[in-house]
Protein backbone atom coordinates (compact mmCIF):
# COMPACT_ATOMS: atom_id res chain seq x y z
CA MET A 1 22.33 -128.65 120.76
CA ASP A 2 21.08 -132.23 121.15
CA TYR A 3 18.16 -133.28 123.34
CA LYS A 4 20.34 -134.80 126.06
CA LYS A 5 22.14 -131.51 126.65
CA ALA A 6 18.81 -129.68 126.55
CA ASN A 7 17.43 -131.95 129.26
CA ARG A 8 20.46 -131.30 131.45
CA ALA A 9 20.05 -127.57 130.88
CA TYR A 10 16.45 -127.79 132.08
CA LEU A 11 17.52 -129.73 135.17
CA TYR A 12 20.05 -127.03 136.01
CA ALA A 13 17.35 -124.38 135.57
CA ILE A 14 15.07 -126.24 137.99
CA ILE A 15 17.87 -126.69 140.53
CA SER A 16 18.82 -123.01 140.37
CA THR A 17 15.16 -122.06 140.75
CA MET A 18 14.86 -124.30 143.81
CA ALA A 19 18.04 -122.81 145.26
CA LEU A 20 16.71 -119.29 144.76
CA THR A 21 13.42 -120.24 146.42
CA VAL A 22 15.17 -121.71 149.47
CA LEU A 23 17.59 -118.81 149.84
CA TYR A 24 14.82 -116.25 149.46
CA THR A 25 12.64 -118.03 152.03
CA VAL A 26 15.53 -118.14 154.52
CA TRP A 27 16.30 -114.46 153.89
CA VAL A 28 12.69 -113.42 154.42
CA ASN A 29 12.16 -115.52 157.54
CA PHE A 30 15.47 -114.90 159.30
CA ARG A 31 16.67 -111.55 158.00
CA GLY A 32 13.30 -109.86 157.63
CA GLY A 33 14.01 -108.70 154.07
CA SER A 34 11.84 -109.01 151.00
CA LEU A 35 11.82 -108.15 147.30
CA ASP A 36 9.02 -106.48 145.41
CA ILE A 37 7.26 -108.30 142.58
CA ILE A 38 9.44 -106.73 139.89
CA ALA A 39 12.78 -107.66 141.46
CA ASN A 40 11.54 -111.12 142.36
CA ASN A 41 10.28 -111.75 138.84
CA VAL A 42 13.51 -110.56 137.21
CA LEU A 43 15.59 -112.75 139.51
CA SER A 44 13.32 -115.75 138.88
CA GLU A 45 13.66 -115.33 135.11
CA MET A 46 17.44 -114.94 135.27
CA VAL A 47 17.98 -118.16 137.25
CA VAL A 48 16.21 -119.97 134.41
CA LEU A 49 17.97 -118.16 131.56
CA ILE A 50 21.55 -118.22 132.83
CA PRO A 51 21.95 -122.02 133.36
CA VAL A 52 20.37 -122.79 129.99
CA LEU A 53 22.55 -120.33 128.07
CA ALA A 54 25.59 -121.54 130.03
CA VAL A 55 25.03 -125.10 128.79
CA VAL A 56 24.63 -123.87 125.20
CA LEU A 57 27.86 -121.87 125.32
CA PHE A 58 29.78 -124.52 127.27
CA HIS A 59 29.18 -127.04 124.50
CA GLY A 60 30.37 -124.60 121.86
CA GLU A 61 27.00 -124.01 120.26
CA ARG A 62 26.32 -120.79 118.41
CA LEU A 63 23.26 -119.08 119.87
CA GLY A 64 22.11 -118.17 116.37
CA ASN A 65 21.92 -121.88 115.49
CA VAL A 66 19.91 -122.75 118.57
CA ILE A 67 17.63 -119.72 118.94
CA ILE A 68 16.19 -118.82 115.53
CA PHE A 69 15.25 -115.14 115.35
CA LYS A 70 14.34 -115.07 111.66
CA ARG A 71 12.52 -111.99 110.37
CA ILE A 72 8.79 -112.54 109.87
CA LYS A 73 6.40 -110.66 107.62
CA PHE A 74 4.21 -107.81 108.82
CA LYS A 75 1.09 -109.73 107.78
CA SER A 76 2.19 -112.57 110.05
CA ILE A 77 2.51 -110.14 112.96
CA LEU A 78 -1.06 -108.94 112.41
CA LEU A 79 -2.29 -112.53 112.19
CA THR A 80 -0.36 -113.32 115.37
CA LEU A 81 -2.36 -110.68 117.21
CA LEU A 82 -5.57 -112.31 115.96
CA TYR A 83 -4.19 -115.71 116.95
CA VAL A 84 -3.58 -114.56 120.53
CA LEU A 85 -7.15 -113.28 120.84
CA LEU A 86 -8.55 -116.54 119.49
CA VAL A 87 -6.47 -118.61 121.91
CA TYR A 88 -7.85 -116.73 124.93
CA PRO A 89 -11.02 -118.84 125.39
CA LEU A 90 -9.00 -122.07 125.56
CA ILE A 91 -6.54 -120.61 128.08
CA THR A 92 -9.41 -119.21 130.16
CA PHE A 93 -11.20 -122.56 130.14
CA VAL A 94 -8.11 -124.46 131.32
CA ASN A 95 -7.47 -121.79 133.96
CA SER A 96 -11.04 -122.10 135.25
CA ILE A 97 -10.69 -125.89 135.51
CA SER A 98 -7.47 -125.57 137.50
CA MET A 99 -9.15 -123.09 139.85
CA LEU A 100 -11.51 -125.86 140.97
CA PHE A 101 -8.54 -127.43 142.72
CA VAL A 102 -5.95 -124.71 143.37
CA ASP A 103 -5.83 -120.94 143.78
CA ASN A 104 -5.24 -118.56 140.89
CA THR A 105 -1.62 -117.57 141.49
CA VAL A 106 -1.74 -114.22 139.71
CA LEU A 107 -4.96 -113.03 141.31
CA ALA A 108 -3.63 -114.05 144.71
CA ILE A 109 -0.94 -111.36 144.42
CA ALA A 110 -3.08 -108.82 142.55
CA ASP A 111 -2.97 -106.22 145.34
CA GLU A 112 0.83 -106.31 145.43
CA ILE A 113 1.05 -105.99 141.65
CA LEU A 114 -1.37 -103.05 141.59
CA SER A 115 0.71 -101.22 144.18
CA LEU A 116 3.50 -100.84 141.61
CA PRO A 117 3.71 -98.42 138.65
CA ALA A 118 1.91 -99.91 135.65
CA TRP A 119 4.81 -99.22 133.27
CA GLN A 120 7.22 -101.22 135.41
CA VAL A 121 4.90 -104.21 135.51
CA LEU A 122 4.30 -103.92 131.75
CA ILE A 123 8.03 -103.94 130.95
CA CYS A 124 8.75 -106.79 133.35
CA VAL A 125 5.75 -109.02 132.60
CA GLY A 126 4.95 -107.96 129.06
CA ILE A 127 8.47 -107.73 127.61
CA PHE A 128 11.26 -109.11 129.81
CA GLY A 129 9.45 -112.26 131.00
CA PRO A 130 8.28 -113.32 127.51
CA PHE A 131 11.75 -112.66 126.07
CA VAL A 132 13.48 -114.93 128.59
CA GLU A 133 10.86 -117.68 128.42
CA GLU A 134 10.73 -117.74 124.63
CA VAL A 135 14.52 -117.86 124.35
CA VAL A 136 14.60 -120.83 126.72
CA PHE A 137 11.51 -122.83 125.79
CA ARG A 138 10.65 -122.07 122.16
CA GLY A 139 14.30 -121.31 121.46
CA VAL A 140 16.82 -123.61 123.11
CA LEU A 141 14.60 -126.49 124.24
CA LEU A 142 12.17 -126.73 121.32
CA GLN A 143 14.89 -126.36 118.68
CA SER A 144 17.11 -128.91 120.42
CA TYR A 145 14.33 -131.47 120.69
CA GLN A 146 13.36 -130.97 117.05
CA ARG A 147 16.74 -132.27 115.91
CA THR A 148 15.45 -135.75 116.76
CA GLY A 149 12.76 -135.43 114.11
CA ARG A 150 10.03 -135.78 116.72
CA ILE A 151 8.27 -132.50 115.97
CA MET A 152 5.01 -133.24 117.81
CA GLY A 153 6.90 -134.72 120.74
CA SER A 154 9.14 -131.64 120.83
CA ILE A 155 6.12 -129.33 120.87
CA ILE A 156 4.40 -131.21 123.67
CA LEU A 157 7.50 -131.77 125.82
CA SER A 158 8.70 -128.16 125.60
CA ALA A 159 5.16 -127.02 126.49
CA VAL A 160 4.93 -129.30 129.54
CA LEU A 161 8.34 -128.11 130.77
CA PHE A 162 7.22 -124.52 130.24
CA GLY A 163 4.23 -125.18 132.48
CA LEU A 164 6.32 -126.92 135.12
CA ILE A 165 8.87 -124.11 135.42
CA HIS A 166 6.17 -121.93 137.02
CA LEU A 167 6.15 -124.37 139.97
CA ASN A 168 2.43 -124.13 140.74
CA PHE A 169 -0.44 -126.19 139.41
CA ASN A 170 -2.53 -123.23 138.27
CA GLN A 171 0.09 -121.78 135.95
CA PHE A 172 1.26 -125.26 134.99
CA ALA A 173 -2.18 -126.08 133.61
CA TYR A 174 -2.71 -123.11 131.34
CA GLY A 175 1.03 -122.59 130.80
CA ALA A 176 1.37 -126.02 129.19
CA VAL A 177 -1.57 -125.34 126.87
CA MET A 178 -0.19 -121.92 126.03
CA GLY A 179 3.20 -123.54 125.40
CA VAL A 180 1.68 -125.79 122.74
CA MET A 181 -0.03 -122.87 121.01
CA LEU A 182 3.17 -120.80 121.05
CA ALA A 183 5.23 -123.72 119.73
CA LEU A 184 2.79 -124.12 116.84
CA LEU A 185 3.37 -120.48 116.03
CA VAL A 186 7.13 -121.05 115.91
CA GLU A 187 6.62 -124.02 113.61
CA ALA A 188 4.43 -121.91 111.35
CA THR A 189 7.00 -119.11 111.03
CA GLY A 190 10.33 -120.80 111.71
CA SER A 191 11.14 -117.95 114.08
CA VAL A 192 11.07 -117.36 117.83
CA TRP A 193 10.07 -113.76 117.05
CA SER A 194 6.50 -114.96 116.45
CA SER A 195 6.10 -116.65 119.84
CA LEU A 196 7.88 -113.76 121.56
CA ILE A 197 5.42 -111.28 120.02
CA ALA A 198 2.44 -113.49 120.87
CA HIS A 199 3.61 -114.08 124.45
CA GLY A 200 4.30 -110.38 124.92
CA ILE A 201 0.85 -109.45 123.58
CA PHE A 202 -0.85 -112.00 125.83
CA ASN A 203 0.94 -110.84 128.98
CA SER A 204 0.56 -107.15 128.12
CA ILE A 205 -3.18 -107.53 127.64
CA GLU A 206 -3.37 -109.17 131.06
CA VAL A 207 -1.41 -106.32 132.68
CA ILE A 208 -3.43 -103.61 130.94
CA ALA A 209 -6.69 -105.31 131.90
CA MET A 210 -5.53 -105.59 135.50
CA PHE A 211 -4.61 -101.92 135.84
CA SER A 212 -7.62 -100.74 133.84
CA SER A 213 -9.96 -102.40 136.32
CA SER A 214 -7.87 -102.20 139.49
CA ASP A 215 -10.92 -102.07 141.77
CA ALA A 216 -12.14 -105.36 140.37
CA PHE A 217 -8.75 -106.99 140.76
CA SER A 218 -8.29 -105.71 144.29
CA GLU A 219 -11.42 -107.70 145.19
CA ALA A 220 -10.31 -110.69 143.14
CA SER A 221 -9.76 -113.02 146.08
CA GLN A 222 -13.37 -112.62 147.17
CA TYR A 223 -14.57 -113.38 143.66
CA ILE A 224 -12.35 -116.45 143.40
CA ASP A 225 -13.70 -117.79 146.69
CA GLY A 226 -17.21 -117.36 145.39
CA PHE A 227 -16.32 -118.93 142.06
CA ALA A 228 -14.73 -121.96 143.67
CA SER A 229 -17.66 -122.71 145.95
CA GLY A 230 -20.77 -121.46 144.15
CA ASP A 231 -22.96 -122.51 141.25
CA LEU A 232 -21.39 -119.75 139.16
CA LYS A 233 -18.34 -121.92 138.53
CA TRP A 234 -20.28 -124.50 136.50
CA ILE A 235 -22.02 -121.89 134.38
CA SER A 236 -18.72 -120.10 133.74
CA ILE A 237 -16.84 -123.29 132.95
CA GLY A 238 -19.61 -124.35 130.58
CA LEU A 239 -19.48 -121.04 128.73
CA TYR A 240 -15.68 -121.13 128.57
CA PHE A 241 -15.83 -124.69 127.22
CA ILE A 242 -18.31 -123.80 124.49
CA ALA A 243 -16.26 -120.75 123.50
CA ALA A 244 -13.05 -122.82 123.42
CA VAL A 245 -14.62 -125.55 121.28
CA ILE A 246 -15.92 -123.00 118.77
CA ILE A 247 -13.02 -120.54 118.66
CA THR A 248 -9.91 -122.73 119.06
CA PRO A 249 -10.35 -124.29 115.58
CA LEU A 250 -10.36 -120.74 114.21
CA ALA A 251 -7.05 -120.11 115.98
CA LEU A 252 -5.60 -123.22 114.31
CA CYS A 253 -6.83 -121.94 110.94
CA VAL A 254 -5.06 -118.63 111.61
CA VAL A 255 -1.75 -120.30 112.52
CA TYR A 256 -2.06 -122.43 109.38
CA LYS A 257 -2.56 -119.24 107.37
CA ILE A 258 0.56 -117.80 109.02
CA SER A 259 2.53 -120.84 107.83
CA GLU A 260 1.29 -120.14 104.32
CA VAL A 261 2.32 -116.49 104.53
CA GLU A 262 5.79 -117.51 105.71
CA GLY A 263 6.19 -120.18 103.03
CA ARG A 264 6.11 -123.06 105.51
CA LYS A 265 2.66 -124.48 104.75
CA ALA A 266 3.96 -127.82 103.48
CA PHE A 267 6.17 -128.31 106.53
CA PHE A 268 3.47 -127.21 108.97
CA ALA A 269 0.84 -129.48 107.42
CA ALA A 270 3.26 -132.41 107.54
CA ILE A 271 4.11 -132.07 111.25
CA PRO A 272 1.88 -135.00 112.34
CA LYS A 273 3.61 -137.18 109.74
CA CYS A 274 7.23 -136.22 110.47
CA ARG A 275 9.49 -139.27 110.42
CA LYS A 276 10.89 -140.18 113.81
CA GLN A 277 14.61 -140.88 114.11
CA GLY A 278 14.52 -143.33 117.02
CA TYR A 279 15.20 -140.87 119.82
CA LYS A 280 12.97 -140.97 122.90
CA LEU A 281 13.63 -137.39 124.16
CA ILE A 282 13.33 -138.58 127.77
CA THR A 283 16.55 -138.94 129.78
CA PHE A 284 17.31 -139.33 133.48
CA PRO A 285 18.11 -135.63 134.06
CA LEU A 286 14.73 -134.74 132.58
CA ILE A 287 12.93 -137.29 134.75
CA LEU A 288 14.73 -135.92 137.80
CA ALA A 289 13.80 -132.34 136.89
CA VAL A 290 10.14 -133.25 136.45
CA PHE A 291 10.14 -135.17 139.74
CA ILE A 292 11.66 -132.23 141.62
CA SER A 293 9.13 -129.83 140.09
CA LEU A 294 6.11 -131.98 140.88
CA ALA A 295 7.33 -132.78 144.38
CA TYR A 296 7.78 -129.09 145.12
CA MET A 297 4.32 -128.23 143.76
CA ILE A 298 2.65 -130.99 145.77
CA ILE A 299 4.43 -129.98 148.98
CA ILE A 300 3.44 -126.32 148.50
CA GLU A 301 -0.20 -127.23 147.91
CA PHE A 302 -0.16 -129.44 151.00
CA LEU A 303 1.31 -126.67 153.16
CA LEU A 304 -1.24 -124.19 151.82
CA SER A 305 -4.05 -126.59 152.68
CA LEU A 306 -2.90 -126.52 156.30
CA THR A 307 -3.21 -122.74 156.60
């Protein structure tokens, strides 16, 4: 699928997400109903997946040509686990920076998450969510953008859109960074399986950590308030920054090793030098989708500041 169709698919995903948000808000406020975290998350993922796959199928594309699920080696899977652990300091640092300005979205709903069975949350957040998001962002969008020859641009753009789809500034910040790291993994292996495994490991670790220390997470809001206003934030951010500077290069070395294991070292090393084919990647539907996303996020932050 070409980049223009991919951009339209993303716009449709944003519109359907907005429609779901509006309908759900009306339902809650006027009908008194509500969905639990699991149902809400599944529905939110589906309104992203369905429009994107619909565009792919409507234009006669074969899913196997757009979403590359090539088998990867067992050694690459083990290195992927190491890669995820090494990426953690960078993600944590970016998350801590965002928390200076906005609330941590996940911790804000920690009590509601912990009220559910751990296995349900693990399946939903650790398996289903990563599957949908990798199919859409490292599958359809990244692969479509790459057909222009702009490999670095494809990595960055798909990562930014991945952050934006969360529709809050906290998850946008670390989601975009995580999107880049996951896209590099796909480039190293040539398979969405690698990013799906990495994403699933990352989310599963978060879920397991949350339920393993439920008392700590149930008091998370108090900690976040203290973090945001006290001297602890600068010490923590400084430590996260140092850890990220030291450990992130190791993560890049690991993903480079993965490319070697998968026989893609030459391609991976040449990514910064890939010849462009004249395409800009940016189209009006994409600009509109980004505008809608940012406008929604700004409005939500403004409304939250009033409460």
